[in-house]
Amino acid sequence: MTREGYLQFCPIAMASEVLGSRWTLVLLRELLAGSTRFNDLRRGVPRMSPALLSKRLKELEEAGIVQRVPSPAEPGVLEYQLTRSGKDMKPIIEALGIWGQRWIKSSDQLRNLDVSFFMWSLRQLLDPSALPPRRCTIQFLYPEQRQSLRRWWVIAAPDSEVDVCVVDPGFDVDLYVTADLRTMVAIWVGLTTVQEAIATKKMTTIGDTKMAAGMQRWLGLSPFSVEKKLVVG
């Protein structure tokens, strides 16, 4: 069934017909962040059903924003890549993020939290160069989460992708970090700092003292965290 559009020649109306569907802009955020596999995209939009994800990817493909190409790492496997049209969305998505960071109330920003999505975002942006030049294992403990999502392990090593596990990988842990998810997200989006969270006893760290001291750097904060809030609350 064809969806009725705005029936206007205005470029904004025409673009909205392609991009205005629920989840489409969030999906583009994940593609611009570097996710190319279906399962990786699902981790970036955990509350989006697989069926709807498939539908939105197909719509983006039909619009010429996304294309499926063979994986350079795994022959026979297809990946989703942004076309030139899709890559042109980058400044638009960034501008939306800046607007949201400036004008959405902090209380609203910290209302709907998802630990799986947060840890996936942390994996994407964590900076291994700010960690010791060896394999580093950090365990995050969220006491308020249900048992199966309470403990997370982050493994970072030189010349390797950062990995996130919800099952103990079996490595010696260099640093234990305990905090509630709201505190971690507040740090990540720039509403507070690691130092402030520790000083107010909202976070504790046990283990490698240098890694703990450098956490604000290697945590890989949201790219919008530098934007100052312009609305109170």
Protein backbone atom coordinates (compact mmCIF):
# COMPACT_ATOMS: atom_id res chain seq x y z
CA MET A 1 0.00 0.00 0.00
CA THR A 2 1.46 3.34 -1.05
CA ARG A 3 1.60 5.95 1.69
CA GLU A 4 0.07 9.32 0.80
CA GLY A 5 2.68 12.05 0.77
CA TYR A 6 2.47 15.77 1.45
CA LEU A 7 1.79 16.48 -2.24
CA GLN A 8 3.99 19.57 -2.23
CA PHE A 9 6.94 20.48 -4.43
CA CYS A 10 8.76 22.00 -1.43
CA PRO A 11 12.09 20.15 -0.90
CA ILE A 12 11.43 19.95 2.85
CA ALA A 13 8.08 18.24 2.26
CA MET A 14 9.65 15.90 -0.29
CA ALA A 15 12.53 14.99 2.05
CA SER A 16 10.07 14.44 4.91
CA GLU A 17 8.23 11.85 2.81
CA VAL A 18 11.44 9.80 2.74
CA LEU A 19 12.85 10.52 6.20
CA GLY A 20 9.79 11.21 8.33
CA SER A 21 8.87 7.61 9.16
CA ARG A 22 9.33 6.42 12.74
CA TRP A 23 12.90 5.14 13.45
CA THR A 24 14.30 6.28 10.09
CA LEU A 25 16.48 9.11 11.44
CA VAL A 26 17.67 6.97 14.36
CA LEU A 27 18.57 4.22 11.90
CA LEU A 28 20.54 6.71 9.83
CA ARG A 29 22.38 7.73 13.01
CA GLU A 30 23.53 4.13 13.42
CA LEU A 31 24.59 3.81 9.79
CA LEU A 32 26.56 7.06 10.03
CA ALA A 33 28.18 5.74 13.23
CA GLY A 34 29.60 2.85 11.19
CA SER A 35 27.18 -0.04 11.74
CA THR A 36 26.80 -2.10 8.56
CA ARG A 37 25.43 -5.49 9.66
CA PHE A 38 21.77 -6.16 10.38
CA ASN A 39 22.49 -7.49 13.88
CA ASP A 40 24.73 -4.51 14.70
CA LEU A 41 21.97 -2.14 13.58
CA ARG A 42 19.54 -4.03 15.82
CA ARG A 43 21.84 -3.47 18.80
CA GLY A 44 21.80 0.26 18.06
CA VAL A 45 17.99 0.34 17.92
CA PRO A 46 17.09 -2.41 20.44
CA ARG A 47 13.42 -1.44 20.70
CA MET A 48 12.85 -1.64 16.96
CA SER A 49 11.43 -4.96 15.78
CA PRO A 50 13.46 -6.95 13.21
CA ALA A 51 10.54 -6.78 10.79
CA LEU A 52 10.33 -2.99 11.00
CA LEU A 53 14.13 -2.69 10.70
CA SER A 54 14.01 -4.74 7.49
CA LYS A 55 11.19 -2.55 6.18
CA ARG A 56 13.00 0.70 6.91
CA LEU A 57 16.23 -0.56 5.35
CA LYS A 58 14.31 -1.56 2.23
CA GLU A 59 12.71 1.89 2.08
CA LEU A 60 16.09 3.58 2.41
CA GLU A 61 17.45 1.32 -0.30
CA GLU A 62 14.57 2.18 -2.62
CA ALA A 63 15.20 5.87 -1.93
CA GLY A 64 18.85 5.50 -2.94
CA ILE A 65 20.14 6.31 0.55
CA VAL A 66 21.43 2.82 1.39
CA GLN A 67 22.86 0.04 -0.75
CA ARG A 68 23.75 -3.57 -0.03
CA VAL A 69 27.31 -4.50 -0.93
CA PRO A 70 29.47 -7.62 -0.40
CA SER A 71 31.37 -7.63 2.87
CA PRO A 72 35.12 -7.12 2.34
CA ALA A 73 35.76 -9.36 5.36
CA GLU A 74 33.30 -12.19 4.70
CA PRO A 75 32.64 -13.26 1.09
CA GLY A 76 29.00 -14.03 0.47
CA VAL A 77 27.79 -11.73 3.26
CA LEU A 78 26.05 -8.48 2.36
CA GLU A 79 26.43 -5.28 4.35
CA TYR A 80 24.45 -2.05 4.35
CA GLN A 81 26.45 0.95 3.17
CA LEU A 82 25.40 4.56 2.81
CA THR A 83 25.40 5.95 -0.72
CA ARG A 84 26.57 9.47 -1.51
CA SER A 85 23.00 10.57 -0.81
CA GLY A 86 23.09 8.86 2.59
CA LYS A 87 26.47 10.32 3.53
CA ASP A 88 25.06 13.78 2.75
CA MET A 89 22.76 13.21 5.74
CA LYS A 90 25.67 13.51 8.19
CA PRO A 91 25.50 17.28 8.85
CA ILE A 92 21.70 17.04 9.12
CA ILE A 93 21.82 14.25 11.73
CA GLU A 94 24.57 16.11 13.61
CA ALA A 95 22.50 19.32 13.59
CA LEU A 96 19.51 17.43 15.00
CA GLY A 97 21.71 16.01 17.75
CA ILE A 98 23.09 19.45 18.63
CA TRP A 99 19.56 20.89 18.78
CA GLY A 100 18.39 18.03 21.01
CA GLN A 101 21.37 18.40 23.34
CA ARG A 102 20.78 22.14 23.68
CA TRP A 103 17.01 22.27 23.95
CA ILE A 104 15.72 18.97 25.38
CA LYS A 105 15.43 19.09 29.16
CA SER A 106 17.95 17.02 31.10
CA SER A 107 15.12 15.29 32.98
CA ASP A 108 13.57 14.20 29.67
CA GLN A 109 16.94 13.12 28.27
CA LEU A 110 17.51 10.84 31.27
CA ARG A 111 14.00 9.41 31.40
CA ASN A 112 14.00 6.57 28.87
CA LEU A 113 17.23 4.64 29.49
CA ASP A 114 18.27 1.31 27.99
CA VAL A 115 21.45 -0.33 29.30
CA SER A 116 21.95 -2.43 26.14
CA PHE A 117 21.78 0.62 23.89
CA PHE A 118 24.07 2.60 26.20
CA MET A 119 26.74 -0.10 26.28
CA TRP A 120 26.57 -0.46 22.48
CA SER A 121 27.04 3.31 22.13
CA LEU A 122 29.93 3.20 24.60
CA ARG A 123 31.54 0.43 22.52
CA GLN A 124 31.29 2.55 19.37
CA LEU A 125 32.94 5.64 20.86
CA LEU A 126 35.32 4.34 23.55
CA ASP A 127 38.86 5.57 22.87
CA PRO A 128 41.40 2.71 23.27
CA SER A 129 44.29 5.13 22.65
CA ALA A 130 43.61 6.66 26.08
CA LEU A 131 44.06 3.25 27.74
CA PRO A 132 47.30 1.35 28.44
CA PRO A 133 48.75 -0.22 25.22
CA ARG A 134 47.62 -3.76 26.08
CA ARG A 135 44.41 -5.68 26.43
CA CYS A 136 42.28 -3.87 29.02
CA THR A 137 39.16 -5.34 30.59
CA ILE A 138 36.68 -3.13 32.39
CA GLN A 139 33.63 -4.45 34.21
CA PHE A 140 30.62 -2.15 34.60
CA LEU A 141 28.13 -3.02 37.32
CA TYR A 142 24.65 -1.49 37.34
CA PRO A 143 23.11 -2.58 40.68
CA GLU A 144 19.58 -1.42 39.81
CA GLN A 145 19.33 -3.46 36.59
CA ARG A 146 17.82 -6.92 36.46
CA GLN A 147 20.27 -9.76 37.05
CA SER A 148 20.89 -10.64 33.39
CA LEU A 149 21.81 -7.03 32.50
CA ARG A 150 23.60 -6.04 35.69
CA ARG A 151 27.21 -6.85 34.70
CA TRP A 152 28.94 -5.83 31.46
CA TRP A 153 32.52 -6.36 30.34
CA VAL A 154 34.35 -4.05 27.93
CA ILE A 155 37.51 -5.39 26.30
CA ALA A 156 39.83 -3.03 24.45
CA ALA A 157 43.13 -4.06 22.88
CA PRO A 158 45.56 -2.46 20.41
CA ASP A 159 44.67 -3.07 16.75
CA SER A 160 41.36 -4.70 17.67
CA GLU A 161 37.75 -3.57 17.77
CA VAL A 162 36.36 -2.78 21.21
CA ASP A 163 34.14 -5.62 22.39
CA VAL A 164 31.25 -5.57 24.87
CA CYS A 165 30.01 -8.71 26.61
CA VAL A 166 27.15 -9.43 28.99
CA VAL A 167 28.77 -12.80 29.76
CA ASP A 168 32.10 -13.01 31.60
CA PRO A 169 34.81 -13.30 28.89
CA GLY A 170 37.19 -14.95 31.34
CA PHE A 171 39.88 -12.24 31.35
CA ASP A 172 41.35 -10.67 34.47
CA VAL A 173 39.50 -7.42 35.14
CA ASP A 174 41.68 -4.30 35.29
CA LEU A 175 39.00 -1.93 36.52
CA TYR A 176 35.62 -2.38 38.20
CA VAL A 177 33.14 0.49 37.78
CA THR A 178 29.91 0.57 39.79
CA ALA A 179 27.20 3.16 39.13
CA ASP A 180 23.54 3.35 38.27
CA LEU A 181 22.70 3.70 34.58
CA ARG A 182 21.30 7.21 34.99
CA THR A 183 24.64 8.41 36.36
CA MET A 184 26.60 6.76 33.54
CA VAL A 185 24.36 8.27 30.88
CA ALA A 186 24.57 11.70 32.54
CA ILE A 187 28.37 11.49 32.31
CA TRP A 188 28.24 10.25 28.72
CA VAL A 189 26.00 13.09 27.50
CA GLY A 190 27.98 15.76 29.36
CA LEU A 191 25.56 16.56 32.21
CA THR A 192 28.13 15.62 34.85
CA THR A 193 31.66 14.18 35.05
CA VAL A 194 33.34 11.06 36.38
CA GLN A 195 35.00 13.15 39.10
CA GLU A 196 31.68 14.64 40.21
CA ALA A 197 30.00 11.21 40.24
CA ILE A 198 32.77 9.78 42.44
CA ALA A 199 32.75 12.82 44.75
CA THR A 200 28.99 12.48 45.28
CA LYS A 201 29.32 8.71 45.81
CA LYS A 202 27.23 7.91 42.74
CA MET A 203 30.14 5.94 41.27
CA THR A 204 32.92 3.77 42.68
CA THR A 205 36.00 2.42 40.92
CA ILE A 206 38.27 -0.42 42.07
CA GLY A 207 41.44 -1.53 40.30
CA ASP A 208 43.97 0.17 38.05
CA THR A 209 44.24 3.70 39.45
CA LYS A 210 45.62 5.21 36.22
CA MET A 211 42.74 3.76 34.19
CA ALA A 212 40.29 5.11 36.76
CA ALA A 213 41.91 8.56 36.68
CA GLY A 214 41.70 8.67 32.88
CA MET A 215 38.14 7.42 32.60
CA GLN A 216 36.72 10.77 31.50
CA ARG A 217 39.02 10.55 28.45
CA TRP A 218 38.73 6.92 27.37
CA LEU A 219 35.00 6.63 28.03
CA GLY A 220 34.38 8.16 24.62
CA LEU A 221 31.64 10.65 25.44
CA SER A 222 28.73 11.43 23.14
CA PRO A 223 29.85 13.77 20.33
CA PHE A 224 27.14 16.16 21.53
CA SER A 225 28.36 16.26 25.13
CA VAL A 226 30.34 19.45 24.46
CA GLU A 227 27.13 21.34 23.65
CA LYS A 228 25.84 23.50 26.51
CA LYS A 229 22.27 23.03 27.67
CA LEU A 230 20.17 26.09 26.85
CA VAL A 231 17.03 24.92 28.64
CA VAL A 232 16.56 24.35 32.36
CA GLY A 233 15.21 21.11 33.86
